[in-house]
Structure formats: C-alpha cells, structure tokens
C-alpha cells in the first residue's frame, strides 16, 4: 500500500539526519520503502513523504509505536500536524 505523509517539522536537515539514517532502515525492515521525500519549496517546515508498506496493519503498528513516535518528536516532527493519506489500489 502507498501512502502520503504531510506534516510540519522544525528543520529539514535535522529531520533528514534521523530519517535517512534510522527511520528508512526501520521501514525497510518492515518491507517498506520511501518513494519521495521533500519539503514544500515555499514552506520548508512542511514535509511531504510518499512511502510504501506491505499493508495497513504494518502502518498501524508503526504509527502507534511509542519509541518511533518519540524518535520523530526528537527529530523535530510536530506529530500533532501529521496527516496520512492512504491511496486506494
């Protein structure tokens, strides 16, 4: 399944330092991958990700994992702004 993530972050470089070195390997271990990663050219605190995971259960486990959430917060993600959009096959 493919999904979009739209959320606010503190700093893109700070986010990338965590995401590209830690989170991507966690996603890959779950059978997922990152398809697109970037920020809005007019608002660099607006992060967009397009990712794939095997199924909705895997996504649910990931987004409810307290350690993963804590790591996102430490990387500067404003988790209260996160919007997930799952694409229909």
C-alpha atoms as a PDB file:
ATOM      1  CA  UNK A   1       0.000   0.000   0.000  1.00  0.00           C
ATOM      2  CA  UNK A   2       1.173   3.501  -0.819  1.00  0.00           C
ATOM      3  CA  UNK A   3       0.520   6.476   1.432  1.00  0.00           C
ATOM      4  CA  UNK A   4       1.327  10.171   1.727  1.00  0.00           C
ATOM      5  CA  UNK A   5       2.548  11.882   4.887  1.00  0.00           C
ATOM      6  CA  UNK A   6       2.048  15.636   5.266  1.00  0.00           C
ATOM      7  CA  UNK A   7       3.382  17.189   8.476  1.00  0.00           C
ATOM      8  CA  UNK A   8       5.188  20.149   9.977  1.00  0.00           C
ATOM      9  CA  UNK A   9       8.815  19.873  11.067  1.00  0.00           C
ATOM     10  CA  UNK A  10      11.283  22.149  12.825  1.00  0.00           C
ATOM     11  CA  UNK A  11      14.183  21.806  10.400  1.00  0.00           C
ATOM     12  CA  UNK A  12      14.578  19.651   7.286  1.00  0.00           C
ATOM     13  CA  UNK A  13      18.294  18.933   7.818  1.00  0.00           C
ATOM     14  CA  UNK A  14      17.611  17.779  11.377  1.00  0.00           C
ATOM     15  CA  UNK A  15      14.737  15.601  10.196  1.00  0.00           C
ATOM     16  CA  UNK A  16      16.840  14.064   7.393  1.00  0.00           C
ATOM     17  CA  UNK A  17      19.670  13.270   9.787  1.00  0.00           C
ATOM     18  CA  UNK A  18      17.314  10.992  11.732  1.00  0.00           C
ATOM     19  CA  UNK A  19      15.046   9.814   8.925  1.00  0.00           C
ATOM     20  CA  UNK A  20      17.714   8.828   6.416  1.00  0.00           C
ATOM     21  CA  UNK A  21      19.994   7.129   8.951  1.00  0.00           C
ATOM     22  CA  UNK A  22      17.457   5.426  11.238  1.00  0.00           C
ATOM     23  CA  UNK A  23      13.851   5.502  10.049  1.00  0.00           C
ATOM     24  CA  UNK A  24      14.466   4.345   6.479  1.00  0.00           C
ATOM     25  CA  UNK A  25      16.169   1.162   7.699  1.00  0.00           C
ATOM     26  CA  UNK A  26      13.250   0.532  10.096  1.00  0.00           C
ATOM     27  CA  UNK A  27      10.773   0.939   7.224  1.00  0.00           C
ATOM     28  CA  UNK A  28      12.812  -1.376   5.012  1.00  0.00           C
ATOM     29  CA  UNK A  29      12.922  -3.998   7.784  1.00  0.00           C
ATOM     30  CA  UNK A  30       9.102  -3.923   7.743  1.00  0.00           C
ATOM     31  CA  UNK A  31       9.069  -4.466   3.969  1.00  0.00           C
ATOM     32  CA  UNK A  32       8.545  -0.798   3.163  1.00  0.00           C
ATOM     33  CA  UNK A  33      10.315   1.872   1.184  1.00  0.00           C
ATOM     34  CA  UNK A  34      10.424   5.623   0.757  1.00  0.00           C
ATOM     35  CA  UNK A  35       9.347   6.710  -2.715  1.00  0.00           C
ATOM     36  CA  UNK A  36       9.522  10.519  -2.362  1.00  0.00           C
ATOM     37  CA  UNK A  37      10.867  12.793   0.378  1.00  0.00           C
ATOM     38  CA  UNK A  38      10.959  16.572   0.423  1.00  0.00           C
ATOM     39  CA  UNK A  39       9.671  19.873   1.727  1.00  0.00           C
ATOM     40  CA  UNK A  40       7.438  22.480   0.167  1.00  0.00           C
ATOM     41  CA  UNK A  41       9.585  24.949  -1.805  1.00  0.00           C
ATOM     42  CA  UNK A  42       7.649  27.854  -0.259  1.00  0.00           C
ATOM     43  CA  UNK A  43       7.484  26.452   3.289  1.00  0.00           C
ATOM     44  CA  UNK A  44      10.468  24.336   4.310  1.00  0.00           C
ATOM     45  CA  UNK A  45       8.713  23.310   7.506  1.00  0.00           C
ATOM     46  CA  UNK A  46       6.041  21.486   5.500  1.00  0.00           C
ATOM     47  CA  UNK A  47       7.325  17.935   4.935  1.00  0.00           C
ATOM     48  CA  UNK A  48       5.921  15.554   2.343  1.00  0.00           C
ATOM     49  CA  UNK A  49       6.709  11.852   2.158  1.00  0.00           C
ATOM     50  CA  UNK A  50       5.380   9.170  -0.163  1.00  0.00           C
ATOM     51  CA  UNK A  51       6.025   5.695   1.180  1.00  0.00           C
ATOM     52  CA  UNK A  52       5.000   2.095   0.649  1.00  0.00           C
ATOM     53  CA  UNK A  53       4.346  -0.585   3.271  1.00  0.00           C
ATOM     54  CA  UNK A  54       3.044  -4.126   2.836  1.00  0.00           C
ATOM     55  CA  UNK A  55      -0.341  -3.466   4.467  1.00  0.00           C
ATOM     56  CA  UNK A  56      -2.401  -1.208   6.735  1.00  0.00           C
ATOM     57  CA  UNK A  57      -1.632  -3.333   9.800  1.00  0.00           C
ATOM     58  CA  UNK A  58       2.081  -2.589   9.406  1.00  0.00           C
ATOM     59  CA  UNK A  59       1.336   1.125   9.118  1.00  0.00           C
ATOM     60  CA  UNK A  60      -0.846   0.988  12.246  1.00  0.00           C
ATOM     61  CA  UNK A  61       1.924  -0.771  14.220  1.00  0.00           C
ATOM     62  CA  UNK A  62       4.424   1.857  13.097  1.00  0.00           C
ATOM     63  CA  UNK A  63       2.337   4.942  13.890  1.00  0.00           C
ATOM     64  CA  UNK A  64       1.311   3.606  17.312  1.00  0.00           C
ATOM     65  CA  UNK A  65       4.843   2.590  18.318  1.00  0.00           C
ATOM     66  CA  UNK A  66       5.811   4.884  21.225  1.00  0.00           C
ATOM     67  CA  UNK A  67       9.551   4.585  20.506  1.00  0.00           C
ATOM     68  CA  UNK A  68       9.094   5.518  16.835  1.00  0.00           C
ATOM     69  CA  UNK A  69       6.874   8.451  17.838  1.00  0.00           C
ATOM     70  CA  UNK A  70       9.453   9.640  20.394  1.00  0.00           C
ATOM     71  CA  UNK A  71      12.183   9.466  17.731  1.00  0.00           C
ATOM     72  CA  UNK A  72      10.017  11.515  15.338  1.00  0.00           C
ATOM     73  CA  UNK A  73       9.474  14.153  18.027  1.00  0.00           C
ATOM     74  CA  UNK A  74      13.223  14.244  18.753  1.00  0.00           C
ATOM     75  CA  UNK A  75      13.823  14.769  15.020  1.00  0.00           C
ATOM     76  CA  UNK A  76      11.613  17.861  15.127  1.00  0.00           C
ATOM     77  CA  UNK A  77       8.349  16.457  13.805  1.00  0.00           C
ATOM     78  CA  UNK A  78       5.182  18.155  15.077  1.00  0.00           C
ATOM     79  CA  UNK A  79       3.281  14.880  15.384  1.00  0.00           C
ATOM     80  CA  UNK A  80       0.009  16.680  16.079  1.00  0.00           C
ATOM     81  CA  UNK A  81       0.095  18.021  12.494  1.00  0.00           C
ATOM     82  CA  UNK A  82       0.582  14.676  10.755  1.00  0.00           C
ATOM     83  CA  UNK A  83      -1.920  13.802   8.045  1.00  0.00           C
ATOM     84  CA  UNK A  84      -1.746  10.333   6.481  1.00  0.00           C
ATOM     85  CA  UNK A  85      -3.482   9.678   3.174  1.00  0.00           C
ATOM     86  CA  UNK A  86      -3.652   6.077   2.017  1.00  0.00           C
ATOM     87  CA  UNK A  87      -4.040   5.544  -1.715  1.00  0.00           C
ATOM     88  CA  UNK A  88      -6.534   3.011  -2.949  1.00  0.00           C
ATOM     89  CA  UNK A  89      -5.090   0.312  -5.217  1.00  0.00           C
END
